[in-house]
C-alpha atoms as a PDB file:
ATOM      1  CA  UNK A   1     -18.668  14.720 -27.860  1.00  0.00           C
ATOM      2  CA  UNK A   2     -16.607  15.205 -24.718  1.00  0.00           C
ATOM      3  CA  UNK A   3     -15.510  18.781 -24.116  1.00  0.00           C
ATOM      4  CA  UNK A   4     -12.189  18.348 -22.345  1.00  0.00           C
ATOM      5  CA  UNK A   5     -11.380  20.824 -19.607  1.00  0.00           C
ATOM      6  CA  UNK A   6      -8.607  20.468 -17.042  1.00  0.00           C
ATOM      7  CA  UNK A   7      -6.838  23.566 -15.797  1.00  0.00           C
ATOM      8  CA  UNK A   8      -5.591  22.408 -12.417  1.00  0.00           C
ATOM      9  CA  UNK A   9      -5.430  19.478 -10.008  1.00  0.00           C
ATOM     10  CA  UNK A  10      -8.355  20.376  -7.773  1.00  0.00           C
ATOM     11  CA  UNK A  11     -11.410  21.841  -9.560  1.00  0.00           C
ATOM     12  CA  UNK A  12     -14.611  19.830  -9.179  1.00  0.00           C
ATOM     13  CA  UNK A  13     -14.163  16.580 -11.117  1.00  0.00           C
ATOM     14  CA  UNK A  14     -16.827  15.691 -13.698  1.00  0.00           C
ATOM     15  CA  UNK A  15     -15.395  12.974 -15.977  1.00  0.00           C
ATOM     16  CA  UNK A  16     -12.368  10.698 -15.761  1.00  0.00           C
ATOM     17  CA  UNK A  17     -10.823   7.429 -16.896  1.00  0.00           C
ATOM     18  CA  UNK A  18     -10.096   5.078 -13.989  1.00  0.00           C
ATOM     19  CA  UNK A  19      -7.682   2.235 -14.730  1.00  0.00           C
ATOM     20  CA  UNK A  20      -8.528  -1.423 -14.160  1.00  0.00           C
ATOM     21  CA  UNK A  21      -6.755  -4.200 -12.271  1.00  0.00           C
ATOM     22  CA  UNK A  22      -8.632  -7.003 -14.027  1.00  0.00           C
ATOM     23  CA  UNK A  23      -6.507  -9.546 -15.911  1.00  0.00           C
ATOM     24  CA  UNK A  24      -3.297  -7.762 -14.938  1.00  0.00           C
ATOM     25  CA  UNK A  25      -1.273 -10.896 -15.568  1.00  0.00           C
ATOM     26  CA  UNK A  26       1.103 -13.007 -13.487  1.00  0.00           C
ATOM     27  CA  UNK A  27       3.695 -11.532 -11.122  1.00  0.00           C
ATOM     28  CA  UNK A  28       6.442 -10.079 -13.341  1.00  0.00           C
ATOM     29  CA  UNK A  29       9.932 -11.547 -13.332  1.00  0.00           C
ATOM     30  CA  UNK A  30      12.565  -9.335 -11.662  1.00  0.00           C
ATOM     31  CA  UNK A  31      13.984  -8.305 -15.046  1.00  0.00           C
ATOM     32  CA  UNK A  32      10.510  -7.166 -16.154  1.00  0.00           C
ATOM     33  CA  UNK A  33      10.087  -4.636 -13.314  1.00  0.00           C
ATOM     34  CA  UNK A  34       9.666  -0.999 -14.368  1.00  0.00           C
ATOM     35  CA  UNK A  35      10.654   0.519 -11.017  1.00  0.00           C
ATOM     36  CA  UNK A  36      12.620  -0.368  -7.861  1.00  0.00           C
ATOM     37  CA  UNK A  37       9.582  -0.706  -5.593  1.00  0.00           C
ATOM     38  CA  UNK A  38       7.909  -3.351  -7.760  1.00  0.00           C
ATOM     39  CA  UNK A  39      11.252  -5.139  -7.974  1.00  0.00           C
ATOM     40  CA  UNK A  40      11.545  -5.191  -4.186  1.00  0.00           C
ATOM     41  CA  UNK A  41       8.116  -6.837  -3.825  1.00  0.00           C
ATOM     42  CA  UNK A  42       8.737  -9.317  -6.663  1.00  0.00           C
ATOM     43  CA  UNK A  43      11.918 -10.469  -4.914  1.00  0.00           C
ATOM     44  CA  UNK A  44      10.263 -10.583  -1.471  1.00  0.00           C
ATOM     45  CA  UNK A  45       7.273 -12.595  -2.695  1.00  0.00           C
ATOM     46  CA  UNK A  46       4.918  -9.795  -1.581  1.00  0.00           C
ATOM     47  CA  UNK A  47       3.910  -8.542  -5.036  1.00  0.00           C
ATOM     48  CA  UNK A  48       0.173  -7.732  -5.005  1.00  0.00           C
ATOM     49  CA  UNK A  49      -2.392 -10.239  -6.246  1.00  0.00           C
ATOM     50  CA  UNK A  50      -5.102  -9.348  -8.721  1.00  0.00           C
ATOM     51  CA  UNK A  51      -8.140  -9.936  -6.482  1.00  0.00           C
ATOM     52  CA  UNK A  52      -6.795  -7.507  -3.848  1.00  0.00           C
ATOM     53  CA  UNK A  53      -6.039  -4.841  -6.447  1.00  0.00           C
ATOM     54  CA  UNK A  54      -9.463  -5.214  -8.101  1.00  0.00           C
ATOM     55  CA  UNK A  55     -11.089  -4.745  -4.679  1.00  0.00           C
ATOM     56  CA  UNK A  56      -9.008  -1.613  -4.020  1.00  0.00           C
ATOM     57  CA  UNK A  57      -9.947  -0.087  -7.368  1.00  0.00           C
ATOM     58  CA  UNK A  58     -13.637  -0.855  -6.807  1.00  0.00           C
ATOM     59  CA  UNK A  59     -13.453   0.987  -3.475  1.00  0.00           C
ATOM     60  CA  UNK A  60     -12.050   3.991  -5.361  1.00  0.00           C
ATOM     61  CA  UNK A  61     -14.760   3.700  -8.047  1.00  0.00           C
ATOM     62  CA  UNK A  62     -17.406   3.860  -5.303  1.00  0.00           C
ATOM     63  CA  UNK A  63     -16.058   7.209  -4.114  1.00  0.00           C
ATOM     64  CA  UNK A  64     -16.411   8.623  -7.626  1.00  0.00           C
ATOM     65  CA  UNK A  65     -19.934   7.218  -7.790  1.00  0.00           C
ATOM     66  CA  UNK A  66     -20.782   8.904  -4.476  1.00  0.00           C
ATOM     67  CA  UNK A  67     -19.808  12.300  -5.914  1.00  0.00           C
ATOM     68  CA  UNK A  68     -21.561  11.806  -9.251  1.00  0.00           C
ATOM     69  CA  UNK A  69     -18.392  11.613 -11.356  1.00  0.00           C
ATOM     70  CA  UNK A  70     -18.744  10.014 -14.790  1.00  0.00           C
ATOM     71  CA  UNK A  71     -16.217   7.163 -14.919  1.00  0.00           C
ATOM     72  CA  UNK A  72     -14.820   5.463 -18.024  1.00  0.00           C
ATOM     73  CA  UNK A  73     -12.826   2.251 -17.656  1.00  0.00           C
ATOM     74  CA  UNK A  74     -10.336   0.828 -20.173  1.00  0.00           C
ATOM     75  CA  UNK A  75     -11.242  -2.286 -22.107  1.00  0.00           C
ATOM     76  CA  UNK A  76      -9.710  -5.206 -20.234  1.00  0.00           C
ATOM     77  CA  UNK A  77      -6.709  -6.593 -22.103  1.00  0.00           C
ATOM     78  CA  UNK A  78      -5.612 -10.147 -21.335  1.00  0.00           C
ATOM     79  CA  UNK A  79      -2.652 -10.290 -18.913  1.00  0.00           C
ATOM     80  CA  UNK A  80      -1.924  -6.579 -19.095  1.00  0.00           C
ATOM     81  CA  UNK A  81      -1.407  -4.207 -16.186  1.00  0.00           C
ATOM     82  CA  UNK A  82      -3.784  -1.303 -16.906  1.00  0.00           C
ATOM     83  CA  UNK A  83      -4.008   0.223 -13.445  1.00  0.00           C
ATOM     84  CA  UNK A  84      -2.089   3.420 -14.082  1.00  0.00           C
ATOM     85  CA  UNK A  85      -4.149   5.319 -16.636  1.00  0.00           C
ATOM     86  CA  UNK A  86      -2.337   8.584 -15.786  1.00  0.00           C
ATOM     87  CA  UNK A  87       0.795   7.269 -17.507  1.00  0.00           C
ATOM     88  CA  UNK A  88      -0.768   6.825 -20.924  1.00  0.00           C
ATOM     89  CA  UNK A  89      -2.363  10.229 -21.466  1.00  0.00           C
ATOM     90  CA  UNK A  90      -3.191  13.495 -19.714  1.00  0.00           C
ATOM     91  CA  UNK A  91      -5.299  16.579 -20.331  1.00  0.00           C
ATOM     92  CA  UNK A  92      -4.226  20.219 -20.250  1.00  0.00           C
ATOM     93  CA  UNK A  93      -6.993  22.729 -20.964  1.00  0.00           C
ATOM     94  CA  UNK A  94      -8.976  21.182 -23.859  1.00  0.00           C
ATOM     95  CA  UNK A  95      -6.183  18.991 -25.255  1.00  0.00           C
ATOM     96  CA  UNK A  96      -5.482  15.346 -24.522  1.00  0.00           C
ATOM     97  CA  UNK A  97      -1.822  14.463 -24.967  1.00  0.00           C
ATOM     98  CA  UNK A  98      -1.066  10.826 -25.688  1.00  0.00           C
ATOM     99  CA  UNK A  99       2.098   9.923 -23.791  1.00  0.00           C
ATOM    100  CA  UNK A 100       5.024   8.228 -25.487  1.00  0.00           C
ATOM    101  CA  UNK A 101       5.403   5.597 -22.815  1.00  0.00           C
ATOM    102  CA  UNK A 102       7.575   2.547 -22.421  1.00  0.00           C
ATOM    103  CA  UNK A 103       7.054   0.574 -25.658  1.00  0.00           C
ATOM    104  CA  UNK A 104       5.668  -2.487 -23.829  1.00  0.00           C
ATOM    105  CA  UNK A 105       2.726  -0.392 -22.686  1.00  0.00           C
ATOM    106  CA  UNK A 106       1.471   1.062 -25.967  1.00  0.00           C
ATOM    107  CA  UNK A 107      -1.450  -1.334 -26.158  1.00  0.00           C
ATOM    108  CA  UNK A 108      -2.865   0.330 -23.045  1.00  0.00           C
ATOM    109  CA  UNK A 109      -3.733   3.331 -25.232  1.00  0.00           C
ATOM    110  CA  UNK A 110      -5.733   1.079 -27.585  1.00  0.00           C
ATOM    111  CA  UNK A 111      -7.809   0.010 -24.578  1.00  0.00           C
ATOM    112  CA  UNK A 112      -9.185   3.554 -24.192  1.00  0.00           C
ATOM    113  CA  UNK A 113     -10.070   4.071 -27.869  1.00  0.00           C
ATOM    114  CA  UNK A 114     -13.781   4.082 -26.942  1.00  0.00           C
ATOM    115  CA  UNK A 115     -13.020   7.201 -24.887  1.00  0.00           C
ATOM    116  CA  UNK A 116     -10.800   8.829 -27.516  1.00  0.00           C
ATOM    117  CA  UNK A 117     -13.601   8.333 -30.061  1.00  0.00           C
ATOM    118  CA  UNK A 118     -15.688  10.813 -28.067  1.00  0.00           C
ATOM    119  CA  UNK A 119     -13.038  13.521 -28.313  1.00  0.00           C
ATOM    120  CA  UNK A 120     -12.641  15.752 -31.356  1.00  0.00           C
ATOM    121  CA  UNK A 121      -9.499  14.615 -33.243  1.00  0.00           C
ATOM    122  CA  UNK A 122      -8.039  18.098 -33.309  1.00  0.00           C
ATOM    123  CA  UNK A 123      -8.002  18.069 -29.509  1.00  0.00           C
ATOM    124  CA  UNK A 124      -5.808  14.942 -29.332  1.00  0.00           C
ATOM    125  CA  UNK A 125      -2.079  15.580 -29.535  1.00  0.00           C
ATOM    126  CA  UNK A 126       0.473  12.916 -30.492  1.00  0.00           C
ATOM    127  CA  UNK A 127       3.936  14.187 -29.539  1.00  0.00           C
ATOM    128  CA  UNK A 128       6.860  13.239 -31.798  1.00  0.00           C
ATOM    129  CA  UNK A 129       8.857  10.151 -30.872  1.00  0.00           C
ATOM    130  CA  UNK A 130      11.718  12.087 -29.267  1.00  0.00           C
ATOM    131  CA  UNK A 131       9.305  13.435 -26.653  1.00  0.00           C
ATOM    132  CA  UNK A 132       9.186  11.137 -23.622  1.00  0.00           C
ATOM    133  CA  UNK A 133       6.436  12.104 -21.221  1.00  0.00           C
ATOM    134  CA  UNK A 134       4.095  10.507 -18.680  1.00  0.00           C
ATOM    135  CA  UNK A 135       1.108  12.100 -16.984  1.00  0.00           C
ATOM    136  CA  UNK A 136       2.544  11.622 -13.507  1.00  0.00           C
ATOM    137  CA  UNK A 137       5.128  14.271 -14.351  1.00  0.00           C
ATOM    138  CA  UNK A 138       2.702  16.894 -15.661  1.00  0.00           C
ATOM    139  CA  UNK A 139       0.484  19.122 -13.506  1.00  0.00           C
ATOM    140  CA  UNK A 140      -1.555  22.013 -14.865  1.00  0.00           C
ATOM    141  CA  UNK A 141      -1.949  24.642 -12.159  1.00  0.00           C
ATOM    142  CA  UNK A 142      -3.776  27.754 -13.357  1.00  0.00           C
ATOM    143  CA  UNK A 143      -1.279  29.957 -15.231  1.00  0.00           C
ATOM    144  CA  UNK A 144       1.428  27.339 -14.676  1.00  0.00           C
ATOM    145  CA  UNK A 145       2.258  23.880 -15.905  1.00  0.00           C
ATOM    146  CA  UNK A 146       4.550  22.045 -13.485  1.00  0.00           C
ATOM    147  CA  UNK A 147       6.670  19.318 -15.104  1.00  0.00           C
ATOM    148  CA  UNK A 148       8.931  16.757 -13.453  1.00  0.00           C
ATOM    149  CA  UNK A 149      11.885  15.799 -15.630  1.00  0.00           C
ATOM    150  CA  UNK A 150      15.360  14.352 -15.687  1.00  0.00           C
ATOM    151  CA  UNK A 151      17.887  15.894 -18.074  1.00  0.00           C
ATOM    152  CA  UNK A 152      21.113  14.199 -16.950  1.00  0.00           C
ATOM    153  CA  UNK A 153      23.384  12.822 -19.692  1.00  0.00           C
ATOM    154  CA  UNK A 154      22.745   9.365 -18.205  1.00  0.00           C
ATOM    155  CA  UNK A 155      18.961   9.663 -18.840  1.00  0.00           C
ATOM    156  CA  UNK A 156      18.949   6.484 -20.948  1.00  0.00           C
ATOM    157  CA  UNK A 157      20.411   4.467 -18.063  1.00  0.00           C
ATOM    158  CA  UNK A 158      17.338   5.066 -15.902  1.00  0.00           C
ATOM    159  CA  UNK A 159      14.182   3.067 -16.568  1.00  0.00           C
ATOM    160  CA  UNK A 160      12.776   5.404 -13.889  1.00  0.00           C
ATOM    161  CA  UNK A 161      13.419   8.549 -15.982  1.00  0.00           C
ATOM    162  CA  UNK A 162      10.128   9.024 -17.796  1.00  0.00           C
ATOM    163  CA  UNK A 163       9.939  12.645 -18.969  1.00  0.00           C
ATOM    164  CA  UNK A 164      12.776  14.268 -20.884  1.00  0.00           C
ATOM    165  CA  UNK A 165      13.851  17.767 -21.890  1.00  0.00           C
ATOM    166  CA  UNK A 166      12.170  17.411 -25.297  1.00  0.00           C
ATOM    167  CA  UNK A 167       8.860  16.948 -23.466  1.00  0.00           C
ATOM    168  CA  UNK A 168       9.293  20.194 -21.549  1.00  0.00           C
ATOM    169  CA  UNK A 169      10.006  22.001 -24.841  1.00  0.00           C
ATOM    170  CA  UNK A 170       7.058  20.338 -26.596  1.00  0.00           C
ATOM    171  CA  UNK A 171       4.570  21.273 -23.879  1.00  0.00           C
ATOM    172  CA  UNK A 172       5.943  24.849 -23.865  1.00  0.00           C
ATOM    173  CA  UNK A 173       5.283  25.074 -27.621  1.00  0.00           C
ATOM    174  CA  UNK A 174       1.750  23.666 -27.338  1.00  0.00           C
ATOM    175  CA  UNK A 175       0.765  26.016 -24.508  1.00  0.00           C
ATOM    176  CA  UNK A 176       2.727  29.225 -25.175  1.00  0.00           C
ATOM    177  CA  UNK A 177       0.465  31.290 -22.882  1.00  0.00           C
ATOM    178  CA  UNK A 178       1.354  29.137 -19.847  1.00  0.00           C
ATOM    179  CA  UNK A 179       4.334  29.522 -17.529  1.00  0.00           C
ATOM    180  CA  UNK A 180       6.260  26.261 -17.656  1.00  0.00           C
ATOM    181  CA  UNK A 181       8.136  25.327 -14.499  1.00  0.00           C
ATOM    182  CA  UNK A 182      10.222  22.163 -14.670  1.00  0.00           C
ATOM    183  CA  UNK A 183      11.807  20.284 -11.776  1.00  0.00           C
ATOM    184  CA  UNK A 184      14.756  17.887 -11.898  1.00  0.00           C
ATOM    185  CA  UNK A 185      13.812  14.719 -10.013  1.00  0.00           C
ATOM    186  CA  UNK A 186      16.048  12.264  -8.166  1.00  0.00           C
ATOM    187  CA  UNK A 187      16.176   8.901  -9.957  1.00  0.00           C
ATOM    188  CA  UNK A 188      17.287   5.451  -8.853  1.00  0.00           C
ATOM    189  CA  UNK A 189      16.728   2.102 -10.552  1.00  0.00           C
ATOM    190  CA  UNK A 190      17.545   0.222  -7.373  1.00  0.00           C
ATOM    191  CA  UNK A 191      16.506   2.195  -4.275  1.00  0.00           C
ATOM    192  CA  UNK A 192      12.801   3.068  -4.083  1.00  0.00           C
ATOM    193  CA  UNK A 193      13.379   5.543  -1.239  1.00  0.00           C
ATOM    194  CA  UNK A 194      15.812   7.506  -3.418  1.00  0.00           C
ATOM    195  CA  UNK A 195      13.621   7.465  -6.504  1.00  0.00           C
ATOM    196  CA  UNK A 196      10.971  10.013  -7.451  1.00  0.00           C
ATOM    197  CA  UNK A 197       9.415   8.098 -10.330  1.00  0.00           C
ATOM    198  CA  UNK A 198       7.187  11.050 -11.252  1.00  0.00           C
ATOM    199  CA  UNK A 199       6.624  14.584  -9.980  1.00  0.00           C
ATOM    200  CA  UNK A 200       3.455  13.392  -8.206  1.00  0.00           C
ATOM    201  CA  UNK A 201       5.630  11.028  -6.137  1.00  0.00           C
ATOM    202  CA  UNK A 202       7.191  13.984  -4.294  1.00  0.00           C
ATOM    203  CA  UNK A 203       4.766  16.882  -4.786  1.00  0.00           C
ATOM    204  CA  UNK A 204       1.012  17.387  -4.883  1.00  0.00           C
ATOM    205  CA  UNK A 205      -0.858  20.693  -4.877  1.00  0.00           C
ATOM    206  CA  UNK A 206      -4.149  20.686  -2.957  1.00  0.00           C
ATOM    207  CA  UNK A 207      -7.102  23.012  -2.471  1.00  0.00           C
ATOM    208  CA  UNK A 208      -7.061  25.834   0.118  1.00  0.00           C
ATOM    209  CA  UNK A 209      -3.562  26.857  -1.038  1.00  0.00           C
ATOM    210  CA  UNK A 210      -1.970  23.749   0.503  1.00  0.00           C
ATOM    211  CA  UNK A 211       0.562  21.279  -0.921  1.00  0.00           C
ATOM    212  CA  UNK A 212       2.381  18.043  -0.065  1.00  0.00           C
ATOM    213  CA  UNK A 213       6.122  18.063  -0.685  1.00  0.00           C
ATOM    214  CA  UNK A 214       9.197  15.853  -0.224  1.00  0.00           C
ATOM    215  CA  UNK A 215      12.474  17.723  -0.350  1.00  0.00           C
ATOM    216  CA  UNK A 216      14.752  14.824  -1.273  1.00  0.00           C
ATOM    217  CA  UNK A 217      12.708  14.037  -4.387  1.00  0.00           C
ATOM    218  CA  UNK A 218      14.198  17.157  -5.993  1.00  0.00           C
ATOM    219  CA  UNK A 219      17.760  17.215  -7.307  1.00  0.00           C
ATOM    220  CA  UNK A 220      18.061  21.001  -7.267  1.00  0.00           C
ATOM    221  CA  UNK A 221      17.416  22.674  -3.929  1.00  0.00           C
ATOM    222  CA  UNK A 222      16.441  26.002  -5.549  1.00  0.00           C
ATOM    223  CA  UNK A 223      13.640  24.265  -7.470  1.00  0.00           C
ATOM    224  CA  UNK A 224      12.292  22.720  -4.274  1.00  0.00           C
ATOM    225  CA  UNK A 225      12.596  26.111  -2.573  1.00  0.00           C
ATOM    226  CA  UNK A 226      10.644  27.747  -5.412  1.00  0.00           C
ATOM    227  CA  UNK A 227       7.665  25.516  -4.546  1.00  0.00           C
ATOM    228  CA  UNK A 228       8.012  26.268  -0.829  1.00  0.00           C
ATOM    229  CA  UNK A 229       7.930  29.999  -1.612  1.00  0.00           C
ATOM    230  CA  UNK A 230       5.094  29.588  -4.122  1.00  0.00           C
ATOM    231  CA  UNK A 231       2.759  27.845  -1.641  1.00  0.00           C
ATOM    232  CA  UNK A 232       4.207  29.327   1.564  1.00  0.00           C
ATOM    233  CA  UNK A 233       6.011  27.285   4.197  1.00  0.00           C
ATOM    234  CA  UNK A 234       2.984  27.158   6.523  1.00  0.00           C
ATOM    235  CA  UNK A 235       0.813  25.635   3.811  1.00  0.00           C
ATOM    236  CA  UNK A 236       3.104  22.687   3.109  1.00  0.00           C
ATOM    237  CA  UNK A 237       2.911  19.181   4.513  1.00  0.00           C
ATOM    238  CA  UNK A 238       6.500  17.923   4.249  1.00  0.00           C
ATOM    239  CA  UNK A 239       6.718  14.139   4.010  1.00  0.00           C
ATOM    240  CA  UNK A 240       9.588  11.875   5.089  1.00  0.00           C
ATOM    241  CA  UNK A 241      11.427   9.534   2.720  1.00  0.00           C
ATOM    242  CA  UNK A 242       9.457   6.633   4.179  1.00  0.00           C
ATOM    243  CA  UNK A 243       6.190   8.493   3.559  1.00  0.00           C
ATOM    244  CA  UNK A 244       7.290   9.260   0.009  1.00  0.00           C
ATOM    245  CA  UNK A 245       8.053   5.560  -0.409  1.00  0.00           C
ATOM    246  CA  UNK A 246       4.495   4.801   0.746  1.00  0.00           C
ATOM    247  CA  UNK A 247       3.245   7.357  -1.833  1.00  0.00           C
ATOM    248  CA  UNK A 248       1.782   9.916   0.601  1.00  0.00           C
ATOM    249  CA  UNK A 249       1.911  12.637  -2.075  1.00  0.00           C
ATOM    250  CA  UNK A 250      -0.069  10.602  -4.582  1.00  0.00           C
ATOM    251  CA  UNK A 251      -3.506  11.506  -3.249  1.00  0.00           C
ATOM    252  CA  UNK A 252      -6.233  12.778  -5.558  1.00  0.00           C
ATOM    253  CA  UNK A 253      -8.565  15.787  -5.311  1.00  0.00           C
ATOM    254  CA  UNK A 254     -12.203  15.526  -6.407  1.00  0.00           C
ATOM    255  CA  UNK A 255     -12.690  19.201  -5.563  1.00  0.00           C
ATOM    256  CA  UNK A 256     -10.854  21.965  -3.660  1.00  0.00           C
ATOM    257  CA  UNK A 257     -12.383  20.568  -0.439  1.00  0.00           C
ATOM    258  CA  UNK A 258     -12.429  16.791  -1.060  1.00  0.00           C
ATOM    259  CA  UNK A 259      -9.308  14.622  -1.139  1.00  0.00           C
ATOM    260  CA  UNK A 260      -9.144  10.862  -1.678  1.00  0.00           C
ATOM    261  CA  UNK A 261      -6.329   9.351   0.370  1.00  0.00           C
ATOM    262  CA  UNK A 262      -5.032   5.931   1.418  1.00  0.00           C
ATOM    263  CA  UNK A 263      -6.574   4.828   4.711  1.00  0.00           C
ATOM    264  CA  UNK A 264      -3.202   4.055   6.342  1.00  0.00           C
ATOM    265  CA  UNK A 265      -1.842   7.588   5.789  1.00  0.00           C
ATOM    266  CA  UNK A 266      -2.801   8.532   9.355  1.00  0.00           C
ATOM    267  CA  UNK A 267      -0.467  11.509   9.794  1.00  0.00           C
ATOM    268  CA  UNK A 268      -1.447  13.046   6.475  1.00  0.00           C
ATOM    269  CA  UNK A 269      -5.173  12.370   6.826  1.00  0.00           C
ATOM    270  CA  UNK A 270      -5.264  13.982  10.271  1.00  0.00           C
ATOM    271  CA  UNK A 271      -3.484  17.046   8.911  1.00  0.00           C
ATOM    272  CA  UNK A 272      -5.863  17.270   5.945  1.00  0.00           C
ATOM    273  CA  UNK A 273      -8.868  17.187   8.278  1.00  0.00           C
ATOM    274  CA  UNK A 274      -7.277  19.840  10.496  1.00  0.00           C
ATOM    275  CA  UNK A 275      -7.012  22.031   7.381  1.00  0.00           C
ATOM    276  CA  UNK A 276     -10.743  21.587   6.764  1.00  0.00           C
ATOM    277  CA  UNK A 277     -10.660  18.986   3.982  1.00  0.00           C
ATOM    278  CA  UNK A 278     -13.130  16.141   3.643  1.00  0.00           C
ATOM    279  CA  UNK A 279     -10.939  13.036   3.403  1.00  0.00           C
ATOM    280  CA  UNK A 280     -12.332   9.996   1.602  1.00  0.00           C
ATOM    281  CA  UNK A 281     -10.170   7.096   2.765  1.00  0.00           C
ATOM    282  CA  UNK A 282      -9.746   4.023   0.553  1.00  0.00           C
ATOM    283  CA  UNK A 283      -7.565   0.896   0.905  1.00  0.00           C
ATOM    284  CA  UNK A 284      -4.793   1.147  -1.701  1.00  0.00           C
ATOM    285  CA  UNK A 285      -1.738  -0.372  -0.012  1.00  0.00           C
ATOM    286  CA  UNK A 286      -1.457  -3.330  -2.401  1.00  0.00           C
ATOM    287  CA  UNK A 287      -1.486  -1.177  -5.543  1.00  0.00           C
ATOM    288  CA  UNK A 288       1.066   1.114  -3.846  1.00  0.00           C
ATOM    289  CA  UNK A 289       3.588  -1.734  -4.053  1.00  0.00           C
ATOM    290  CA  UNK A 290       3.915  -0.945  -7.771  1.00  0.00           C
ATOM    291  CA  UNK A 291       5.123   2.609  -7.041  1.00  0.00           C
ATOM    292  CA  UNK A 292       1.813   4.176  -7.993  1.00  0.00           C
ATOM    293  CA  UNK A 293      -1.237   5.276  -6.071  1.00  0.00           C
ATOM    294  CA  UNK A 294      -4.447   7.272  -6.452  1.00  0.00           C
ATOM    295  CA  UNK A 295      -3.362  10.037  -8.812  1.00  0.00           C
ATOM    296  CA  UNK A 296      -1.550   7.493 -11.000  1.00  0.00           C
ATOM    297  CA  UNK A 297      -4.742   5.436 -11.437  1.00  0.00           C
ATOM    298  CA  UNK A 298      -6.826   8.352 -12.695  1.00  0.00           C
ATOM    299  CA  UNK A 299      -6.973  10.327 -15.922  1.00  0.00           C
ATOM    300  CA  UNK A 300      -9.214  13.389 -15.419  1.00  0.00           C
ATOM    301  CA  UNK A 301     -10.926  14.526 -18.637  1.00  0.00           C
ATOM    302  CA  UNK A 302     -13.294  17.209 -17.389  1.00  0.00           C
ATOM    303  CA  UNK A 303     -13.085  19.400 -14.307  1.00  0.00           C
ATOM    304  CA  UNK A 304     -15.331  22.403 -13.762  1.00  0.00           C
END
């Protein structure tokens, strides 16, 4: 049996689920887009093709192989986009929480049943239907759990609002010993540069006390400021709206010292190296067109 253990974003990674780009189906129609960035590329005729995305994910898989990480992949479903495994479930401590995601995507959970079978049933949580939550909005961080949310009365109008107030309350109940810190995120169905789809689209804690942050992703300045104070201004790499749009904050840590990043993120990668990180660069620019990047494609199950 798998003994789940995830208490933060950076401890040495042992086991994870990596999504797959195989058989991800034809380019969606504009009305089928889940986010403004995908929509932009569908309309422009620049939506990524499967062979490019498969190659990008294989490059990422090779990095995990290099560091001896055990990698599970979902079963390949015909014509189904299964790249973003972070959306469908996430682990806090020794519990795996199955996300209540957009209804069209529920079959993605069935594709990881071979993984769920290795986890003790009592460690798998199925939140009630009223709880909307996706893994991109949830970050365990030691004594804290950081949660991105949107609680505006117009929540239902935003296909980009993925984690609601009920989710914050549910996670608080499940982990009463943790400090829950939620952040209101800026949402837009139409403008990708004004849309923080998930918390990991505008914030990412790193090893060595560092963090990546984008101020405009947060609706409430005090909540953004809380993070600045928590990490310390000198430890923060502040990204521009264009860098947020390119998903600069959606890197992924294999350990406190090793970060996987997109190879075109020159400014960020230079800064990371200056801070003493080992940066494993992979090509991921095609997958990024779907408003998701490295953290979105991974579902860590066991960290040290």
